[in-house]
PDB file of N, CA and C in Angstrom:
ATOM      1  N   MET A   1    -100.166 195.964 -58.063  1.00  0.00           N
ATOM      2  CA  MET A   1     -99.609 196.467 -59.384  1.00  0.00           C
ATOM      3  C   MET A   1     -98.573 195.420 -59.336  1.00  0.00           C
ATOM      4  N   SER A   2     -98.403 194.548 -61.006  1.00  0.00           N
ATOM      5  CA  SER A   2     -97.733 193.624 -60.683  1.00  0.00           C
ATOM      6  C   SER A   2     -96.277 193.862 -61.525  1.00  0.00           C
ATOM      7  N   GLU A   3     -94.832 194.300 -60.449  1.00  0.00           N
ATOM      8  CA  GLU A   3     -93.219 194.400 -60.899  1.00  0.00           C
ATOM      9  C   GLU A   3     -92.843 192.704 -60.969  1.00  0.00           C
ATOM     10  N   ILE A   4     -92.262 193.098 -62.052  1.00  0.00           N
ATOM     11  CA  ILE A   4     -91.087 191.952 -62.211  1.00  0.00           C
ATOM     12  C   ILE A   4     -89.546 192.865 -62.540  1.00  0.00           C
ATOM     13  N   GLU A   5     -88.347 192.040 -63.496  1.00  0.00           N
ATOM     14  CA  GLU A   5     -87.078 192.298 -63.482  1.00  0.00           C
ATOM     15  C   GLU A   5     -87.029 192.058 -65.420  1.00  0.00           C
ATOM     16  N   ILE A   6     -86.761 192.726 -65.899  1.00  0.00           N
ATOM     17  CA  ILE A   6     -86.204 192.497 -67.138  1.00  0.00           C
ATOM     18  C   ILE A   6     -84.411 192.717 -67.110  1.00  0.00           C
ATOM     19  N   ARG A   7     -83.402 191.629 -67.877  1.00  0.00           N
ATOM     20  CA  ARG A   7     -82.584 191.954 -68.423  1.00  0.00           C
ATOM     21  C   ARG A   7     -82.266 191.648 -70.428  1.00  0.00           C
ATOM     22  N   VAL A   8     -81.857 192.147 -70.927  1.00  0.00           N
ATOM     23  CA  VAL A   8     -82.196 191.562 -72.555  1.00  0.00           C
ATOM     24  C   VAL A   8     -80.231 190.746 -72.846  1.00  0.00           C
ATOM     25  N   ALA A   9     -80.765 190.283 -73.132  1.00  0.00           N
ATOM     26  CA  ALA A   9     -79.180 190.136 -73.767  1.00  0.00           C
ATOM     27  C   ALA A   9     -79.012 190.020 -75.717  1.00  0.00           C
ATOM     28  N   ASP A  10     -77.681 189.806 -76.553  1.00  0.00           N
ATOM     29  CA  ASP A  10     -78.087 189.353 -78.171  1.00  0.00           C
ATOM     30  C   ASP A  10     -76.759 188.835 -77.784  1.00  0.00           C
ATOM     31  N   LEU A  11     -76.320 187.514 -77.794  1.00  0.00           N
ATOM     32  CA  LEU A  11     -74.831 187.019 -79.033  1.00  0.00           C
ATOM     33  C   LEU A  11     -73.836 187.704 -79.702  1.00  0.00           C
ATOM     34  N   ASP A  12     -75.412 188.397 -80.999  1.00  0.00           N
ATOM     35  CA  ASP A  12     -74.118 189.583 -81.972  1.00  0.00           C
ATOM     36  C   ASP A  12     -72.898 190.402 -81.205  1.00  0.00           C
ATOM     37  N   TRP A  13     -73.266 191.245 -79.724  1.00  0.00           N
ATOM     38  CA  TRP A  13     -73.374 192.699 -79.555  1.00  0.00           C
ATOM     39  C   TRP A  13     -72.460 192.377 -77.863  1.00  0.00           C
ATOM     40  N   LEU A  14     -71.203 193.322 -78.266  1.00  0.00           N
ATOM     41  CA  LEU A  14     -70.635 192.667 -76.512  1.00  0.00           C
ATOM     42  C   LEU A  14     -71.572 193.970 -75.435  1.00  0.00           C
ATOM     43  N   GLU A  15     -71.248 193.613 -74.438  1.00  0.00           N
ATOM     44  CA  GLU A  15     -72.246 195.176 -73.368  1.00  0.00           C
ATOM     45  C   GLU A  15     -72.058 196.331 -73.974  1.00  0.00           C
ATOM     46  N   ASP A  16     -70.403 196.548 -73.895  1.00  0.00           N
ATOM     47  CA  ASP A  16     -70.377 198.105 -74.557  1.00  0.00           C
ATOM     48  C   ASP A  16     -70.476 198.351 -75.349  1.00  0.00           C
ATOM     49  N   ASP A  17     -70.654 198.143 -76.290  1.00  0.00           N
ATOM     50  CA  ASP A  17     -70.959 198.593 -77.954  1.00  0.00           C
ATOM     51  C   ASP A  17     -72.027 199.344 -78.514  1.00  0.00           C
ATOM     52  N   PRO A  18     -71.395 200.765 -78.106  1.00  0.00           N
ATOM     53  CA  PRO A  18     -72.358 201.734 -78.963  1.00  0.00           C
ATOM     54  C   PRO A  18     -74.500 201.420 -79.736  1.00  0.00           C
ATOM     55  N   ARG A  19     -73.753 200.457 -79.940  1.00  0.00           N
ATOM     56  CA  ARG A  19     -75.033 200.455 -80.965  1.00  0.00           C
ATOM     57  C   ARG A  19     -75.891 199.010 -80.333  1.00  0.00           C
ATOM     58  N   TRP A  20     -75.435 197.980 -79.486  1.00  0.00           N
ATOM     59  CA  TRP A  20     -76.181 197.254 -78.546  1.00  0.00           C
ATOM     60  C   TRP A  20     -76.818 198.807 -77.061  1.00  0.00           C
ATOM     61  N   ARG A  21     -76.082 199.295 -77.631  1.00  0.00           N
ATOM     62  CA  ARG A  21     -76.954 200.283 -75.473  1.00  0.00           C
ATOM     63  C   ARG A  21     -78.516 200.865 -76.348  1.00  0.00           C
ATOM     64  N   SER A  22     -77.951 201.234 -77.492  1.00  0.00           N
ATOM     65  CA  SER A  22     -78.924 201.850 -78.609  1.00  0.00           C
ATOM     66  C   SER A  22     -79.874 201.153 -79.399  1.00  0.00           C
ATOM     67  N   GLN A  23     -79.481 199.504 -79.067  1.00  0.00           N
ATOM     68  CA  GLN A  23     -80.657 198.702 -78.915  1.00  0.00           C
ATOM     69  C   GLN A  23     -82.114 198.501 -78.299  1.00  0.00           C
ATOM     70  N   ARG A  24     -80.924 198.079 -76.934  1.00  0.00           N
ATOM     71  CA  ARG A  24     -81.684 198.381 -75.565  1.00  0.00           C
ATOM     72  C   ARG A  24     -82.949 199.345 -75.280  1.00  0.00           C
ATOM     73  N   LEU A  25     -81.961 200.328 -75.858  1.00  0.00           N
ATOM     74  CA  LEU A  25     -82.585 201.541 -75.488  1.00  0.00           C
ATOM     75  C   LEU A  25     -84.207 201.162 -75.959  1.00  0.00           C
ATOM     76  N   GLU A  26     -84.228 201.144 -77.103  1.00  0.00           N
ATOM     77  CA  GLU A  26     -85.261 201.145 -78.142  1.00  0.00           C
ATOM     78  C   GLU A  26     -86.569 200.789 -77.271  1.00  0.00           C
ATOM     79  N   LEU A  27     -85.756 199.177 -76.969  1.00  0.00           N
ATOM     80  CA  LEU A  27     -87.087 198.195 -75.614  1.00  0.00           C
ATOM     81  C   LEU A  27     -87.248 199.139 -74.924  1.00  0.00           C
ATOM     82  N   ILE A  28     -86.723 199.359 -74.186  1.00  0.00           N
ATOM     83  CA  ILE A  28     -86.860 200.569 -73.015  1.00  0.00           C
ATOM     84  C   ILE A  28     -87.917 200.821 -73.515  1.00  0.00           C
ATOM     85  N   THR A  29     -87.634 202.342 -74.705  1.00  0.00           N
ATOM     86  CA  THR A  29     -88.288 203.196 -74.988  1.00  0.00           C
ATOM     87  C   THR A  29     -89.839 202.784 -74.781  1.00  0.00           C
ATOM     88  N   ALA A  30     -89.853 201.728 -75.964  1.00  0.00           N
ATOM     89  CA  ALA A  30     -91.262 200.757 -76.377  1.00  0.00           C
ATOM     90  C   ALA A  30     -92.490 200.388 -74.824  1.00  0.00           C
ATOM     91  N   LEU A  31     -91.034 199.911 -74.007  1.00  0.00           N
ATOM     92  CA  LEU A  31     -91.885 200.434 -72.511  1.00  0.00           C
ATOM     93  C   LEU A  31     -92.437 200.458 -72.240  1.00  0.00           C
ATOM     94  N   ARG A  32     -91.619 201.998 -72.359  1.00  0.00           N
ATOM     95  CA  ARG A  32     -91.699 204.192 -71.036  1.00  0.00           C
ATOM     96  C   ARG A  32     -93.275 203.982 -71.761  1.00  0.00           C
ATOM     97  N   ASP A  33     -93.619 204.802 -72.756  1.00  0.00           N
ATOM     98  CA  ASP A  33     -94.267 204.756 -74.080  1.00  0.00           C
ATOM     99  C   ASP A  33     -95.923 203.517 -74.149  1.00  0.00           C
ATOM    100  N   ALA A  34     -95.431 202.936 -73.322  1.00  0.00           N
ATOM    101  CA  ALA A  34     -96.974 202.234 -73.356  1.00  0.00           C
ATOM    102  C   ALA A  34     -97.383 202.151 -72.445  1.00  0.00           C
ATOM    103  N   PRO A  35     -98.669 201.822 -72.262  1.00  0.00           N
ATOM    104  CA  PRO A  35     -99.917 202.312 -71.561  1.00  0.00           C
ATOM    105  C   PRO A  35    -100.497 201.684 -70.159  1.00  0.00           C
ATOM    106  N   ASP A  36     -99.914 201.832 -69.227  1.00  0.00           N
ATOM    107  CA  ASP A  36    -100.370 201.221 -67.889  1.00  0.00           C
ATOM    108  C   ASP A  36     -99.147 200.213 -66.986  1.00  0.00           C
ATOM    109  N   ILE A  37     -97.530 201.165 -67.806  1.00  0.00           N
ATOM    110  CA  ILE A  37     -96.540 200.137 -67.665  1.00  0.00           C
ATOM    111  C   ILE A  37     -95.766 201.311 -67.142  1.00  0.00           C
ATOM    112  N   ARG A  38     -94.685 201.093 -66.310  1.00  0.00           N
ATOM    113  CA  ARG A  38     -93.965 201.869 -65.040  1.00  0.00           C
ATOM    114  C   ARG A  38     -92.269 201.426 -65.859  1.00  0.00           C
ATOM    115  N   LEU A  39     -91.322 201.656 -65.258  1.00  0.00           N
ATOM    116  CA  LEU A  39     -90.074 201.733 -65.048  1.00  0.00           C
ATOM    117  C   LEU A  39     -89.561 202.131 -64.278  1.00  0.00           C
ATOM    118  N   ASP A  40     -88.698 201.147 -63.801  1.00  0.00           N
ATOM    119  CA  ASP A  40     -87.774 202.060 -62.856  1.00  0.00           C
ATOM    120  C   ASP A  40     -86.282 201.495 -63.213  1.00  0.00           C
ATOM    121  N   GLU A  41     -85.448 201.237 -62.465  1.00  0.00           N
ATOM    122  CA  GLU A  41     -84.573 200.820 -62.663  1.00  0.00           C
ATOM    123  C   GLU A  41     -84.076 200.744 -60.960  1.00  0.00           C
ATOM    124  N   ALA A  42     -83.608 199.147 -61.762  1.00  0.00           N
ATOM    125  CA  ALA A  42     -83.802 197.185 -60.549  1.00  0.00           C
ATOM    126  C   ALA A  42     -82.181 198.469 -59.237  1.00  0.00           C
ATOM    127  N   SER A  43     -82.616 197.924 -58.353  1.00  0.00           N
ATOM    128  CA  SER A  43     -81.952 198.688 -56.854  1.00  0.00           C
ATOM    129  C   SER A  43     -80.862 198.263 -56.331  1.00  0.00           C
ATOM    130  N   ASP A  44     -80.744 196.813 -57.054  1.00  0.00           N
ATOM    131  CA  ASP A  44     -79.163 196.287 -56.770  1.00  0.00           C
ATOM    132  C   ASP A  44     -77.737 196.042 -57.310  1.00  0.00           C
ATOM    133  N   SER A  45     -77.540 196.439 -57.424  1.00  0.00           N
ATOM    134  CA  SER A  45     -75.328 197.606 -58.003  1.00  0.00           C
ATOM    135  C   SER A  45     -75.222 196.336 -58.443  1.00  0.00           C
ATOM    136  N   GLY A  46     -75.358 194.998 -58.272  1.00  0.00           N
ATOM    137  CA  GLY A  46     -74.329 193.996 -58.730  1.00  0.00           C
ATOM    138  C   GLY A  46     -74.539 193.676 -60.400  1.00  0.00           C
ATOM    139  N   LYS A  47     -73.351 192.714 -60.410  1.00  0.00           N
ATOM    140  CA  LYS A  47     -73.046 192.764 -62.184  1.00  0.00           C
ATOM    141  C   LYS A  47     -74.601 193.192 -62.613  1.00  0.00           C
ATOM    142  N   GLY A  48     -74.607 194.640 -63.881  1.00  0.00           N
ATOM    143  CA  GLY A  48     -75.421 193.694 -64.631  1.00  0.00           C
ATOM    144  C   GLY A  48     -76.808 194.257 -64.124  1.00  0.00           C
ATOM    145  N   ALA A  49     -76.672 195.989 -63.117  1.00  0.00           N
ATOM    146  CA  ALA A  49     -77.600 196.390 -62.125  1.00  0.00           C
ATOM    147  C   ALA A  49     -77.727 197.264 -63.573  1.00  0.00           C
ATOM    148  N   ALA A  50     -77.503 198.177 -63.917  1.00  0.00           N
ATOM    149  CA  ALA A  50     -77.493 199.142 -64.975  1.00  0.00           C
ATOM    150  C   ALA A  50     -78.509 198.221 -66.266  1.00  0.00           C
ATOM    151  N   GLU A  51     -78.275 197.578 -66.325  1.00  0.00           N
ATOM    152  CA  GLU A  51     -78.579 196.654 -67.372  1.00  0.00           C
ATOM    153  C   GLU A  51     -80.391 196.266 -67.634  1.00  0.00           C
ATOM    154  N   THR A  52     -80.818 195.887 -65.852  1.00  0.00           N
ATOM    155  CA  THR A  52     -81.824 194.801 -65.769  1.00  0.00           C
ATOM    156  C   THR A  52     -82.404 196.820 -64.875  1.00  0.00           C
ATOM    157  N   VAL A  53     -84.301 196.164 -65.142  1.00  0.00           N
ATOM    158  CA  VAL A  53     -85.134 196.928 -65.766  1.00  0.00           C
ATOM    159  C   VAL A  53     -86.505 195.576 -65.247  1.00  0.00           C
ATOM    160  N   ILE A  54     -86.892 197.066 -63.479  1.00  0.00           N
ATOM    161  CA  ILE A  54     -88.217 196.985 -63.210  1.00  0.00           C
ATOM    162  C   ILE A  54     -89.478 197.830 -63.832  1.00  0.00           C
ATOM    163  N   VAL A  55     -89.831 197.098 -64.526  1.00  0.00           N
ATOM    164  CA  VAL A  55     -91.518 197.051 -64.870  1.00  0.00           C
ATOM    165  C   VAL A  55     -92.053 196.807 -63.882  1.00  0.00           C
ATOM    166  N   ALA A  56     -92.976 197.900 -63.923  1.00  0.00           N
ATOM    167  CA  ALA A  56     -94.800 197.133 -63.177  1.00  0.00           C
ATOM    168  C   ALA A  56     -95.429 197.203 -64.089  1.00  0.00           C
ATOM    169  N   LEU A  57     -96.473 196.028 -64.442  1.00  0.00           N
ATOM    170  CA  LEU A  57     -97.744 196.071 -64.949  1.00  0.00           C
ATOM    171  C   LEU A  57     -98.797 196.573 -64.008  1.00  0.00           C
ATOM    172  N   GLY A  58     -99.915 197.460 -64.119  1.00  0.00           N
ATOM    173  CA  GLY A  58    -100.836 198.273 -64.018  1.00  0.00           C
ATOM    174  C   GLY A  58    -102.404 197.721 -63.896  1.00  0.00           C
ATOM    175  N   SER A  59    -102.115 196.473 -65.269  1.00  0.00           N
ATOM    176  CA  SER A  59    -103.277 195.922 -65.211  1.00  0.00           C
ATOM    177  C   SER A  59    -103.181 195.146 -66.482  1.00  0.00           C
ATOM    178  N   ALA A  60    -103.821 194.212 -66.578  1.00  0.00           N
ATOM    179  CA  ALA A  60    -103.845 192.932 -66.635  1.00  0.00           C
ATOM    180  C   ALA A  60    -103.414 193.416 -68.919  1.00  0.00           C
ATOM    181  N   GLY A  61    -104.422 194.389 -68.922  1.00  0.00           N
ATOM    182  CA  GLY A  61    -103.856 194.809 -70.693  1.00  0.00           C
ATOM    183  C   GLY A  61    -101.856 194.461 -70.719  1.00  0.00           C
ATOM    184  N   ALA A  62    -101.758 195.502 -69.851  1.00  0.00           N
ATOM    185  CA  ALA A  62    -100.700 195.898 -69.927  1.00  0.00           C
ATOM    186  C   ALA A  62     -99.604 194.593 -69.899  1.00  0.00           C
ATOM    187  N   PHE A  63     -99.637 193.273 -69.188  1.00  0.00           N
ATOM    188  CA  PHE A  63     -98.974 192.643 -69.747  1.00  0.00           C
ATOM    189  C   PHE A  63     -99.069 192.002 -71.256  1.00  0.00           C
ATOM    190  N   THR A  64    -100.786 191.757 -71.191  1.00  0.00           N
ATOM    191  CA  THR A  64     -99.869 191.594 -73.061  1.00  0.00           C
ATOM    192  C   THR A  64     -99.735 192.861 -74.087  1.00  0.00           C
ATOM    193  N   THR A  65     -99.260 194.186 -73.266  1.00  0.00           N
ATOM    194  CA  THR A  65     -98.859 194.475 -74.396  1.00  0.00           C
ATOM    195  C   THR A  65     -97.193 194.907 -73.972  1.00  0.00           C
ATOM    196  N   MET A  66     -96.252 194.060 -72.930  1.00  0.00           N
ATOM    197  CA  MET A  66     -95.364 194.170 -72.916  1.00  0.00           C
ATOM    198  C   MET A  66     -95.078 193.039 -73.418  1.00  0.00           C
ATOM    199  N   ILE A  67     -95.697 191.957 -73.204  1.00  0.00           N
ATOM    200  CA  ILE A  67     -95.380 190.695 -74.610  1.00  0.00           C
ATOM    201  C   ILE A  67     -95.386 190.979 -75.728  1.00  0.00           C
ATOM    202  N   GLU A  68     -95.867 191.691 -76.512  1.00  0.00           N
ATOM    203  CA  GLU A  68     -96.368 192.703 -78.257  1.00  0.00           C
ATOM    204  C   GLU A  68     -94.875 192.953 -78.189  1.00  0.00           C
ATOM    205  N   ILE A  69     -94.352 193.599 -77.385  1.00  0.00           N
ATOM    206  CA  ILE A  69     -93.552 194.366 -77.103  1.00  0.00           C
ATOM    207  C   ILE A  69     -92.382 193.605 -77.521  1.00  0.00           C
ATOM    208  N   PHE A  70     -91.787 192.919 -76.206  1.00  0.00           N
ATOM    209  CA  PHE A  70     -90.967 191.941 -75.902  1.00  0.00           C
ATOM    210  C   PHE A  70     -91.314 190.312 -77.322  1.00  0.00           C
ATOM    211  N   LYS A  71     -92.213 190.122 -78.398  1.00  0.00           N
ATOM    212  CA  LYS A  71     -91.680 190.055 -79.382  1.00  0.00           C
ATOM    213  C   LYS A  71     -90.943 190.745 -80.644  1.00  0.00           C
ATOM    214  N   ALA A  72     -91.687 191.740 -80.453  1.00  0.00           N
ATOM    215  CA  ALA A  72     -91.261 192.508 -81.812  1.00  0.00           C
ATOM    216  C   ALA A  72     -90.028 192.757 -81.932  1.00  0.00           C
ATOM    217  N   TRP A  73     -89.427 192.918 -80.503  1.00  0.00           N
ATOM    218  CA  TRP A  73     -88.334 193.449 -80.333  1.00  0.00           C
ATOM    219  C   TRP A  73     -87.043 192.319 -80.522  1.00  0.00           C
ATOM    220  N   ILE A  74     -87.955 191.148 -80.183  1.00  0.00           N
ATOM    221  CA  ILE A  74     -87.334 189.931 -79.950  1.00  0.00           C
ATOM    222  C   ILE A  74     -87.029 189.212 -82.001  1.00  0.00           C
ATOM    223  N   GLY A  75     -87.700 190.000 -82.302  1.00  0.00           N
ATOM    224  CA  GLY A  75     -88.183 189.499 -84.194  1.00  0.00           C
ATOM    225  C   GLY A  75     -87.245 190.019 -85.159  1.00  0.00           C
ATOM    226  N   THR A  76     -86.579 191.179 -84.254  1.00  0.00           N
ATOM    227  CA  THR A  76     -85.282 191.855 -85.327  1.00  0.00           C
ATOM    228  C   THR A  76     -84.807 190.972 -85.577  1.00  0.00           C
ATOM    229  N   ARG A  77     -83.700 190.297 -84.348  1.00  0.00           N
ATOM    230  CA  ARG A  77     -82.534 189.751 -85.116  1.00  0.00           C
ATOM    231  C   ARG A  77     -82.569 188.315 -83.951  1.00  0.00           C
ATOM    232  N   PRO A  78     -81.986 187.425 -85.097  1.00  0.00           N
ATOM    233  CA  PRO A  78     -81.993 185.797 -84.135  1.00  0.00           C
ATOM    234  C   PRO A  78     -81.400 185.415 -82.837  1.00  0.00           C
ATOM    235  N   ASN A  79     -80.222 186.353 -82.094  1.00  0.00           N
ATOM    236  CA  ASN A  79     -80.003 185.880 -81.449  1.00  0.00           C
ATOM    237  C   ASN A  79     -80.304 186.904 -79.464  1.00  0.00           C
ATOM    238  N   ARG A  80     -81.150 187.255 -79.834  1.00  0.00           N
ATOM    239  CA  ARG A  80     -81.589 188.391 -78.738  1.00  0.00           C
ATOM    240  C   ARG A  80     -82.541 187.031 -77.830  1.00  0.00           C
ATOM    241  N   THR A  81     -82.149 187.692 -76.063  1.00  0.00           N
ATOM    242  CA  THR A  81     -83.231 187.182 -75.429  1.00  0.00           C
ATOM    243  C   THR A  81     -83.162 188.285 -74.504  1.00  0.00           C
ATOM    244  N   ILE A  82     -84.562 187.801 -73.607  1.00  0.00           N
ATOM    245  CA  ILE A  82     -84.936 188.921 -72.395  1.00  0.00           C
ATOM    246  C   ILE A  82     -84.686 187.950 -71.069  1.00  0.00           C
ATOM    247  N   MET A  83     -84.518 187.846 -70.276  1.00  0.00           N
ATOM    248  CA  MET A  83     -84.761 187.161 -69.593  1.00  0.00           C
ATOM    249  C   MET A  83     -85.522 188.147 -68.301  1.00  0.00           C
ATOM    250  N   ILE A  84     -87.015 187.410 -67.810  1.00  0.00           N
ATOM    251  CA  ILE A  84     -87.529 187.593 -67.095  1.00  0.00           C
ATOM    252  C   ILE A  84     -87.918 186.705 -65.943  1.00  0.00           C
ATOM    253  N   LYS A  85     -87.838 187.730 -64.007  1.00  0.00           N
ATOM    254  CA  LYS A  85     -87.557 187.563 -62.828  1.00  0.00           C
ATOM    255  C   LYS A  85     -88.917 188.187 -62.085  1.00  0.00           C
ATOM    256  N   ARG A  86     -89.262 186.956 -61.306  1.00  0.00           N
ATOM    257  CA  ARG A  86     -90.557 187.613 -60.625  1.00  0.00           C
ATOM    258  C   ARG A  86     -89.987 187.062 -59.073  1.00  0.00           C
ATOM    259  N   LYS A  87     -90.350 187.793 -58.271  1.00  0.00           N
ATOM    260  CA  LYS A  87     -90.556 187.195 -56.741  1.00  0.00           C
ATOM    261  C   LYS A  87     -91.698 186.532 -56.433  1.00  0.00           C
ATOM    262  N   ASN A  88     -91.961 185.600 -56.250  1.00  0.00           N
ATOM    263  CA  ASN A  88     -93.113 184.565 -56.219  1.00  0.00           C
ATOM    264  C   ASN A  88     -92.773 184.367 -54.530  1.00  0.00           C
ATOM    265  N   GLY A  89     -93.400 184.875 -52.922  1.00  0.00           N
ATOM    266  CA  GLY A  89     -93.646 184.553 -51.507  1.00  0.00           C
ATOM    267  C   GLY A  89     -91.598 184.551 -52.056  1.00  0.00           C
ATOM    268  N   ASP A  90     -91.379 183.748 -51.280  1.00  0.00           N
ATOM    269  CA  ASP A  90     -89.933 183.227 -50.690  1.00  0.00           C
ATOM    270  C   ASP A  90     -89.339 182.871 -52.324  1.00  0.00           C
ATOM    271  N   SER A  91     -89.990 182.421 -52.341  1.00  0.00           N
ATOM    272  CA  SER A  91     -89.515 181.668 -54.524  1.00  0.00           C
ATOM    273  C   SER A  91     -89.258 182.527 -55.636  1.00  0.00           C
ATOM    274  N   THR A  92     -88.078 183.030 -56.498  1.00  0.00           N
ATOM    275  CA  THR A  92     -87.928 183.630 -57.929  1.00  0.00           C
ATOM    276  C   THR A  92     -88.258 182.626 -58.937  1.00  0.00           C
ATOM    277  N   ILE A  93     -89.756 182.917 -59.477  1.00  0.00           N
ATOM    278  CA  ILE A  93     -89.821 182.734 -61.098  1.00  0.00           C
ATOM    279  C   ILE A  93     -88.816 183.176 -61.877  1.00  0.00           C
ATOM    280  N   GLU A  94     -87.931 182.317 -63.410  1.00  0.00           N
ATOM    281  CA  GLU A  94     -87.506 183.164 -63.974  1.00  0.00           C
ATOM    282  C   GLU A  94     -87.866 182.554 -65.670  1.00  0.00           C
ATOM    283  N   PHE A  95     -87.749 183.446 -65.720  1.00  0.00           N
ATOM    284  CA  PHE A  95     -88.141 182.419 -67.561  1.00  0.00           C
ATOM    285  C   PHE A  95     -88.013 183.817 -68.954  1.00  0.00           C
ATOM    286  N   THR A  96     -87.283 182.707 -69.283  1.00  0.00           N
ATOM    287  CA  THR A  96     -86.289 183.344 -71.030  1.00  0.00           C
ATOM    288  C   THR A  96     -86.842 182.670 -71.762  1.00  0.00           C
ATOM    289  N   VAL A  97     -86.883 184.289 -72.893  1.00  0.00           N
ATOM    290  CA  VAL A  97     -87.607 184.314 -73.781  1.00  0.00           C
ATOM    291  C   VAL A  97     -86.711 184.418 -75.068  1.00  0.00           C
ATOM    292  N   LYS A  98     -86.960 184.088 -75.973  1.00  0.00           N
ATOM    293  CA  LYS A  98     -86.166 184.301 -77.726  1.00  0.00           C
ATOM    294  C   LYS A  98     -86.975 182.946 -78.603  1.00  0.00           C
ATOM    295  N   ASN A  99     -87.363 183.897 -79.425  1.00  0.00           N
ATOM    296  CA  ASN A  99     -87.938 183.897 -80.437  1.00  0.00           C
ATOM    297  C   ASN A  99     -89.513 183.622 -79.760  1.00  0.00           C
ATOM    298  N   ILE A 100     -90.206 184.075 -79.138  1.00  0.00           N
ATOM    299  CA  ILE A 100     -91.411 184.159 -77.973  1.00  0.00           C
ATOM    300  C   ILE A 100     -93.272 183.433 -79.063  1.00  0.00           C
ATOM    301  N   SER A 101     -93.486 182.477 -79.087  1.00  0.00           N
ATOM    302  CA  SER A 101     -94.332 182.798 -79.944  1.00  0.00           C
ATOM    303  C   SER A 101     -95.344 182.448 -79.485  1.00  0.00           C
ATOM    304  N   THR A 102     -96.557 182.728 -79.730  1.00  0.00           N
ATOM    305  CA  THR A 102     -98.109 182.944 -79.447  1.00  0.00           C
ATOM    306  C   THR A 102     -97.969 181.713 -77.494  1.00  0.00           C
ATOM    307  N   ALA A 103     -97.841 180.365 -78.193  1.00  0.00           N
ATOM    308  CA  ALA A 103     -98.309 179.430 -76.811  1.00  0.00           C
ATOM    309  C   ALA A 103     -97.038 179.659 -75.936  1.00  0.00           C
ATOM    310  N   GLU A 104     -95.781 179.855 -75.347  1.00  0.00           N
ATOM    311  CA  GLU A 104     -94.451 180.996 -74.551  1.00  0.00           C
ATOM    312  C   GLU A 104     -95.524 181.696 -74.592  1.00  0.00           C
ATOM    313  N   ALA A 105     -96.005 183.047 -74.729  1.00  0.00           N
ATOM    314  CA  ALA A 105     -96.373 184.095 -74.625  1.00  0.00           C
ATOM    315  C   ALA A 105     -98.060 183.472 -73.370  1.00  0.00           C
ATOM    316  N   MET A 106     -98.463 182.768 -73.075  1.00  0.00           N
ATOM    317  CA  MET A 106     -99.495 182.659 -72.840  1.00  0.00           C
ATOM    318  C   MET A 106     -99.177 181.557 -71.617  1.00  0.00           C
ATOM    319  N   LYS A 107     -97.580 180.666 -71.675  1.00  0.00           N
ATOM    320  CA  LYS A 107     -97.231 180.209 -70.943  1.00  0.00           C
ATOM    321  C   LYS A 107     -96.704 181.075 -69.988  1.00  0.00           C
ATOM    322  N   LEU A 108     -95.957 181.692 -70.123  1.00  0.00           N
ATOM    323  CA  LEU A 108     -95.343 182.690 -69.756  1.00  0.00           C
ATOM    324  C   LEU A 108     -96.305 184.451 -68.705  1.00  0.00           C
ATOM    325  N   LEU A 109     -97.740 184.619 -69.506  1.00  0.00           N
ATOM    326  CA  LEU A 109     -98.878 185.112 -68.674  1.00  0.00           C
ATOM    327  C   LEU A 109     -99.114 183.920 -67.293  1.00  0.00           C
ATOM    328  N   GLU A 110     -99.766 182.840 -67.299  1.00  0.00           N
ATOM    329  CA  GLU A 110     -99.716 182.241 -66.249  1.00  0.00           C
ATOM    330  C   GLU A 110     -98.909 181.666 -65.377  1.00  0.00           C
ATOM    331  N   ARG A 111     -97.825 181.557 -65.452  1.00  0.00           N
ATOM    332  CA  ARG A 111     -96.454 181.467 -64.865  1.00  0.00           C
ATOM    333  C   ARG A 111     -96.467 183.623 -63.580  1.00  0.00           C
ATOM    334  N   PHE A 112     -96.464 183.730 -64.367  1.00  0.00           N
ATOM    335  CA  PHE A 112     -96.453 185.053 -63.909  1.00  0.00           C
ATOM    336  C   PHE A 112     -97.762 186.816 -63.891  1.00  0.00           C
ATOM    337  N   LYS A 113     -98.743 185.276 -64.098  1.00  0.00           N
ATOM    338  CA  LYS A 113    -100.289 186.397 -63.805  1.00  0.00           C
ATOM    339  C   LYS A 113    -100.279 186.663 -61.951  1.00  0.00           C
ATOM    340  N   GLU A 114     -99.768 185.828 -61.511  1.00  0.00           N
ATOM    341  CA  GLU A 114    -100.293 185.026 -59.768  1.00  0.00           C
ATOM    342  C   GLU A 114    -100.384 186.029 -58.600  1.00  0.00           C
TER     343      GLU A 114
END
């Protein structure tokens, strides 16, 4: 099972705005309801830990599902981004997604499926 960290942002909202919390919850709920995807809170207690989620992908199809959920969520507002991190041995792969296209999704898939 592959695990990645995600963190979301939107330049139009303050972090503590209840409307922004509600919009983040929409993304988390969509991921939680998807098959072969498990969500956990990030274990670190640093700044932003409450907004960071670990996504465990149980199958190759789960990655495609996650990308489709990201595309739908990002597409509703122009200033949304999703930061994705994955440990790869001793290094960390990091990718920031904003207005994800099919080409970006394929690039992301190649970087994170290892």
